[in-house]
Amino acid sequence: MNSLNEEDLKKNVKDKDTWLRFVYLVVFGIAFYLSILLTFATSVFQFLAKLFSGAAFGGLSEFGDNLGTYQAQVTRFLTFASDEKPFPFAPFPTKASSPITTL
């Protein structure tokens, strides 16, 4: 890491793109938290479906897979591993666009 002089520091602090990224960080942090709650609700619903009907819902399983991909996209954006903003600035991930393979 390069040492910063005072002028570079002032320039970095005044950079509007950095502050906009902070706003996105807060918004996507909240979205990530809500997606975790949604994941938990989905898993409880799937458990109940399996318990009472003997099988989980396929469409809901696919939604859970897509939700996991979305969470990965948000994590990559929040940790600066990617500059691509996830949903709603990009399409919600689908099984066809998912880079994660299933076992």
Protein backbone atom coordinates (compact mmCIF):
# COMPACT_ATOMS: atom_id res chain seq x y z
CA MET A 1 0.00 0.00 0.00
CA ASN A 2 1.33 3.39 -0.93
CA SER A 3 1.67 6.01 1.77
CA LEU A 4 -0.70 8.89 1.28
CA ASN A 5 0.26 12.47 1.47
CA GLU A 6 -2.16 15.11 2.68
CA GLU A 7 -3.28 16.17 -0.81
CA ASP A 8 -4.03 12.60 -1.88
CA LEU A 9 -6.00 12.09 1.31
CA LYS A 10 -8.08 15.23 0.68
CA LYS A 11 -8.70 14.12 -2.89
CA ASN A 12 -9.77 10.63 -1.79
CA VAL A 13 -12.09 11.93 0.93
CA LYS A 14 -13.80 14.29 -1.53
CA ASP A 15 -14.24 11.61 -4.22
CA LYS A 16 -17.98 11.38 -4.93
CA ASP A 17 -17.68 7.87 -6.38
CA THR A 18 -16.27 6.61 -3.08
CA TRP A 19 -19.15 8.13 -1.12
CA LEU A 20 -21.65 6.73 -3.62
CA ARG A 21 -20.06 3.33 -3.11
CA PHE A 22 -20.62 3.80 0.64
CA VAL A 23 -24.34 4.44 0.02
CA TYR A 24 -24.48 1.26 -2.08
CA LEU A 25 -22.63 -0.57 0.69
CA VAL A 26 -25.33 0.38 3.21
CA VAL A 27 -28.21 -0.43 0.84
CA PHE A 28 -26.78 -3.78 -0.24
CA GLY A 29 -25.82 -4.60 3.35
CA ILE A 30 -29.48 -4.21 4.30
CA ALA A 31 -30.54 -6.21 1.23
CA PHE A 32 -28.11 -8.97 2.20
CA TYR A 33 -29.49 -9.09 5.73
CA LEU A 34 -33.05 -9.32 4.39
CA SER A 35 -32.00 -12.05 1.96
CA ILE A 36 -30.70 -14.09 4.90
CA LEU A 37 -34.10 -13.80 6.57
CA LEU A 38 -35.73 -14.84 3.31
CA THR A 39 -33.38 -17.81 3.07
CA PHE A 40 -34.35 -18.90 6.57
CA ALA A 41 -38.08 -18.51 5.84
CA THR A 42 -37.68 -20.47 2.60
CA SER A 43 -35.82 -23.28 4.35
CA VAL A 44 -38.47 -23.53 7.10
CA PHE A 45 -41.20 -23.63 4.47
CA GLN A 46 -39.32 -26.32 2.55
CA PHE A 47 -38.90 -28.34 5.75
CA LEU A 48 -42.62 -28.15 6.44
CA ALA A 49 -43.41 -29.15 2.86
CA LYS A 50 -41.09 -32.14 3.18
CA LEU A 51 -42.52 -33.03 6.57
CA PHE A 52 -46.17 -32.97 5.52
CA SER A 53 -46.06 -33.93 1.84
CA GLY A 54 -42.88 -36.00 1.67
CA ALA A 55 -41.22 -33.73 -0.91
CA ALA A 56 -39.82 -30.23 -1.11
CA PHE A 57 -41.08 -27.82 -3.74
CA GLY A 58 -38.84 -27.80 -6.81
CA GLY A 59 -39.57 -24.19 -7.72
CA LEU A 60 -38.73 -23.05 -4.23
CA SER A 61 -35.50 -25.07 -4.33
CA GLU A 62 -34.54 -23.27 -7.53
CA PHE A 63 -35.42 -19.93 -5.92
CA GLY A 64 -33.17 -20.82 -2.98
CA ASP A 65 -30.34 -21.61 -5.38
CA ASN A 66 -30.84 -18.28 -7.15
CA LEU A 67 -31.02 -16.47 -3.82
CA GLY A 68 -27.69 -18.01 -2.82
CA THR A 69 -26.17 -16.78 -6.07
CA TYR A 70 -27.56 -13.30 -5.36
CA GLN A 71 -26.01 -13.38 -1.87
CA ALA A 72 -22.67 -14.29 -3.44
CA GLN A 73 -22.98 -11.38 -5.88
CA VAL A 74 -23.77 -8.97 -3.04
CA THR A 75 -20.82 -10.26 -1.02
CA ARG A 76 -18.48 -9.79 -3.98
CA PHE A 77 -19.72 -6.21 -4.44
CA LEU A 78 -19.54 -5.33 -0.74
CA THR A 79 -15.97 -6.63 -0.40
CA PHE A 80 -14.81 -4.80 -3.57
CA ALA A 81 -14.14 -8.12 -5.33
CA SER A 82 -16.47 -6.87 -8.07
CA ASP A 83 -17.67 -3.48 -9.30
CA GLU A 84 -20.82 -4.99 -10.82
CA LYS A 85 -23.86 -3.95 -8.82
CA PRO A 86 -26.23 -6.86 -8.15
CA PHE A 87 -30.04 -6.85 -8.42
CA PRO A 88 -31.90 -4.46 -8.79
CA PHE A 89 -29.17 -2.88 -10.95
CA ALA A 90 -28.73 -6.17 -12.81
CA PRO A 91 -31.18 -8.98 -13.50
CA PHE A 92 -31.92 -11.30 -10.58
CA PRO A 93 -29.75 -14.40 -11.01
CA THR A 94 -31.31 -17.47 -12.56
CA LYS A 95 -30.12 -21.04 -12.71
CA ALA A 96 -28.94 -20.45 -16.30
CA SER A 97 -26.79 -17.46 -15.26
CA SER A 98 -25.51 -19.02 -12.03
CA PRO A 99 -21.73 -19.60 -11.94
CA ILE A 100 -22.14 -21.93 -8.95
CA THR A 101 -22.42 -25.62 -9.73
CA THR A 102 -24.60 -27.93 -7.71
CA LEU A 103 -23.63 -31.34 -6.42
